[in-house]
C-alpha atoms as a PDB file:
ATOM      1  CA  UNK A   1       0.016  -0.010  -0.008  1.00  0.00           C
ATOM      2  CA  UNK A   2       1.348   3.461  -0.897  1.00  0.00           C
ATOM      3  CA  UNK A   3       1.663   6.327   1.569  1.00  0.00           C
ATOM      4  CA  UNK A   4      -1.032   8.383  -0.171  1.00  0.00           C
ATOM      5  CA  UNK A   5      -3.508   5.482  -0.099  1.00  0.00           C
ATOM      6  CA  UNK A   6      -2.871   5.004   3.639  1.00  0.00           C
ATOM      7  CA  UNK A   7      -3.268   8.708   4.192  1.00  0.00           C
ATOM      8  CA  UNK A   8      -6.587   8.843   2.346  1.00  0.00           C
ATOM      9  CA  UNK A   9      -7.975   6.074   4.560  1.00  0.00           C
ATOM     10  CA  UNK A  10      -7.569   8.196   7.706  1.00  0.00           C
ATOM     11  CA  UNK A  11     -10.792   9.277   9.372  1.00  0.00           C
ATOM     12  CA  UNK A  12      -9.534  10.952  12.561  1.00  0.00           C
ATOM     13  CA  UNK A  13      -6.639  13.043  13.878  1.00  0.00           C
ATOM     14  CA  UNK A  14      -5.457   9.921  15.724  1.00  0.00           C
ATOM     15  CA  UNK A  15      -5.379   7.987  12.427  1.00  0.00           C
ATOM     16  CA  UNK A  16      -3.263  10.697  10.813  1.00  0.00           C
ATOM     17  CA  UNK A  17      -0.879  10.751  13.789  1.00  0.00           C
ATOM     18  CA  UNK A  18      -0.370   7.006  13.528  1.00  0.00           C
ATOM     19  CA  UNK A  19       0.394   7.145   9.788  1.00  0.00           C
ATOM     20  CA  UNK A  20       2.700  10.182  10.016  1.00  0.00           C
ATOM     21  CA  UNK A  21       4.697   8.923  12.959  1.00  0.00           C
ATOM     22  CA  UNK A  22       4.792   5.215  12.119  1.00  0.00           C
ATOM     23  CA  UNK A  23       8.174   3.647  13.022  1.00  0.00           C
ATOM     24  CA  UNK A  24       9.617   6.905  14.396  1.00  0.00           C
ATOM     25  CA  UNK A  25      11.873   6.946  17.429  1.00  0.00           C
ATOM     26  CA  UNK A  26      11.939  10.632  18.396  1.00  0.00           C
ATOM     27  CA  UNK A  27      10.426  14.017  17.614  1.00  0.00           C
ATOM     28  CA  UNK A  28      12.869  14.687  14.765  1.00  0.00           C
ATOM     29  CA  UNK A  29      11.916  11.480  12.963  1.00  0.00           C
ATOM     30  CA  UNK A  30       8.227  12.267  13.666  1.00  0.00           C
ATOM     31  CA  UNK A  31       8.671  15.727  12.103  1.00  0.00           C
ATOM     32  CA  UNK A  32      10.243  14.111   9.033  1.00  0.00           C
ATOM     33  CA  UNK A  33       7.249  11.735   8.860  1.00  0.00           C
ATOM     34  CA  UNK A  34       4.847  14.682   8.988  1.00  0.00           C
ATOM     35  CA  UNK A  35       6.855  16.450   6.268  1.00  0.00           C
ATOM     36  CA  UNK A  36       6.612  13.420   3.984  1.00  0.00           C
ATOM     37  CA  UNK A  37       2.861  13.230   4.508  1.00  0.00           C
ATOM     38  CA  UNK A  38       2.250  16.948   3.955  1.00  0.00           C
ATOM     39  CA  UNK A  39       4.410  16.893   0.789  1.00  0.00           C
ATOM     40  CA  UNK A  40       2.360  13.947  -0.494  1.00  0.00           C
ATOM     41  CA  UNK A  41      -1.081  15.310   0.429  1.00  0.00           C
ATOM     42  CA  UNK A  42      -0.543  18.907  -0.670  1.00  0.00           C
ATOM     43  CA  UNK A  43       1.651  18.434  -3.770  1.00  0.00           C
ATOM     44  CA  UNK A  44      -1.200  19.473  -6.091  1.00  0.00           C
ATOM     45  CA  UNK A  45      -1.231  23.025  -4.719  1.00  0.00           C
ATOM     46  CA  UNK A  46       0.817  25.446  -6.786  1.00  0.00           C
ATOM     47  CA  UNK A  47      -0.556  28.728  -5.347  1.00  0.00           C
ATOM     48  CA  UNK A  48      -1.635  29.669  -1.835  1.00  0.00           C
ATOM     49  CA  UNK A  49      -2.569  32.833   0.019  1.00  0.00           C
ATOM     50  CA  UNK A  50      -0.245  34.240   2.670  1.00  0.00           C
ATOM     51  CA  UNK A  51      -1.298  37.371   4.563  1.00  0.00           C
ATOM     52  CA  UNK A  52      -3.906  38.100   1.894  1.00  0.00           C
ATOM     53  CA  UNK A  53      -1.493  37.783  -1.015  1.00  0.00           C
ATOM     54  CA  UNK A  54      -1.435  34.991  -3.568  1.00  0.00           C
ATOM     55  CA  UNK A  55       2.024  33.445  -3.823  1.00  0.00           C
ATOM     56  CA  UNK A  56       3.640  30.405  -5.452  1.00  0.00           C
ATOM     57  CA  UNK A  57       4.025  27.308  -3.307  1.00  0.00           C
ATOM     58  CA  UNK A  58       7.484  25.819  -3.995  1.00  0.00           C
ATOM     59  CA  UNK A  59       7.189  22.921  -1.591  1.00  0.00           C
ATOM     60  CA  UNK A  60       7.734  22.265   2.100  1.00  0.00           C
ATOM     61  CA  UNK A  61      10.605  21.987   4.520  1.00  0.00           C
ATOM     62  CA  UNK A  62      11.438  21.664   8.186  1.00  0.00           C
ATOM     63  CA  UNK A  63      12.533  24.422  10.500  1.00  0.00           C
ATOM     64  CA  UNK A  64      13.446  22.591  13.644  1.00  0.00           C
ATOM     65  CA  UNK A  65      10.429  20.376  14.232  1.00  0.00           C
ATOM     66  CA  UNK A  66       7.977  22.562  12.365  1.00  0.00           C
ATOM     67  CA  UNK A  67       6.725  21.800   8.841  1.00  0.00           C
ATOM     68  CA  UNK A  68       6.917  25.007   6.823  1.00  0.00           C
ATOM     69  CA  UNK A  69       5.647  26.012   3.385  1.00  0.00           C
ATOM     70  CA  UNK A  70       8.245  27.391   0.952  1.00  0.00           C
ATOM     71  CA  UNK A  71       6.533  30.369  -0.710  1.00  0.00           C
ATOM     72  CA  UNK A  72       7.742  32.569  -3.531  1.00  0.00           C
ATOM     73  CA  UNK A  73       6.645  35.956  -4.742  1.00  0.00           C
ATOM     74  CA  UNK A  74       8.810  37.159  -7.602  1.00  0.00           C
ATOM     75  CA  UNK A  75      12.412  36.709  -6.478  1.00  0.00           C
ATOM     76  CA  UNK A  76      11.547  36.672  -2.783  1.00  0.00           C
ATOM     77  CA  UNK A  77      11.348  33.304  -1.001  1.00  0.00           C
ATOM     78  CA  UNK A  78      10.082  32.717   2.512  1.00  0.00           C
ATOM     79  CA  UNK A  79       9.412  29.678   4.664  1.00  0.00           C
ATOM     80  CA  UNK A  80       6.019  30.216   6.251  1.00  0.00           C
ATOM     81  CA  UNK A  81       4.248  28.423   9.079  1.00  0.00           C
ATOM     82  CA  UNK A  82       1.351  26.334   7.757  1.00  0.00           C
ATOM     83  CA  UNK A  83      -0.880  28.215  10.184  1.00  0.00           C
ATOM     84  CA  UNK A  84      -0.250  31.345   8.068  1.00  0.00           C
ATOM     85  CA  UNK A  85      -0.985  29.626   4.744  1.00  0.00           C
ATOM     86  CA  UNK A  86      -4.456  29.554   3.235  1.00  0.00           C
ATOM     87  CA  UNK A  87      -4.987  26.684   0.852  1.00  0.00           C
ATOM     88  CA  UNK A  88      -7.844  27.229  -1.549  1.00  0.00           C
ATOM     89  CA  UNK A  89     -10.546  24.597  -1.862  1.00  0.00           C
ATOM     90  CA  UNK A  90      -9.332  21.985   0.634  1.00  0.00           C
ATOM     91  CA  UNK A  91     -10.963  18.601   0.468  1.00  0.00           C
ATOM     92  CA  UNK A  92     -12.209  16.972   3.635  1.00  0.00           C
ATOM     93  CA  UNK A  93      -9.130  14.704   3.847  1.00  0.00           C
ATOM     94  CA  UNK A  94      -6.721  17.596   3.182  1.00  0.00           C
ATOM     95  CA  UNK A  95      -8.386  19.614   5.934  1.00  0.00           C
ATOM     96  CA  UNK A  96      -8.123  16.646   8.285  1.00  0.00           C
ATOM     97  CA  UNK A  97      -4.387  16.310   7.621  1.00  0.00           C
ATOM     98  CA  UNK A  98      -3.740  20.022   8.089  1.00  0.00           C
ATOM     99  CA  UNK A  99      -5.663  20.032  11.376  1.00  0.00           C
ATOM    100  CA  UNK A 100      -3.855  16.890  12.494  1.00  0.00           C
ATOM    101  CA  UNK A 101      -0.466  18.456  11.897  1.00  0.00           C
ATOM    102  CA  UNK A 102      -1.502  21.599  13.747  1.00  0.00           C
ATOM    103  CA  UNK A 103      -2.718  19.463  16.656  1.00  0.00           C
ATOM    104  CA  UNK A 104       0.581  17.544  16.760  1.00  0.00           C
ATOM    105  CA  UNK A 105       2.591  20.787  16.567  1.00  0.00           C
ATOM    106  CA  UNK A 106       0.798  22.238  19.601  1.00  0.00           C
ATOM    107  CA  UNK A 107       2.350  19.523  21.783  1.00  0.00           C
ATOM    108  CA  UNK A 108       5.977  20.261  20.866  1.00  0.00           C
END
């Protein structure tokens, strides 16, 4: 079974937590697991809103234990907290994954 198919079967925050942190030994490995899941689930998004401005989404990365969005506007690049990013037209499963990551991040 592929990662995306496992991710799409999740129904609760707890399910997402189990998939993202499967076989991890510490918070750093867990953060890497979340990054892989977010990259997979949100790869279709090419544009997002940040602080009311539409910007290009160039991917994701980690800053410490936080999953960040890599955003570009012209030549300027910034890594932005996912709490500051507005994804347009989220599906139910995408919304669940975003809320699950935010829930996990609160406990760091």
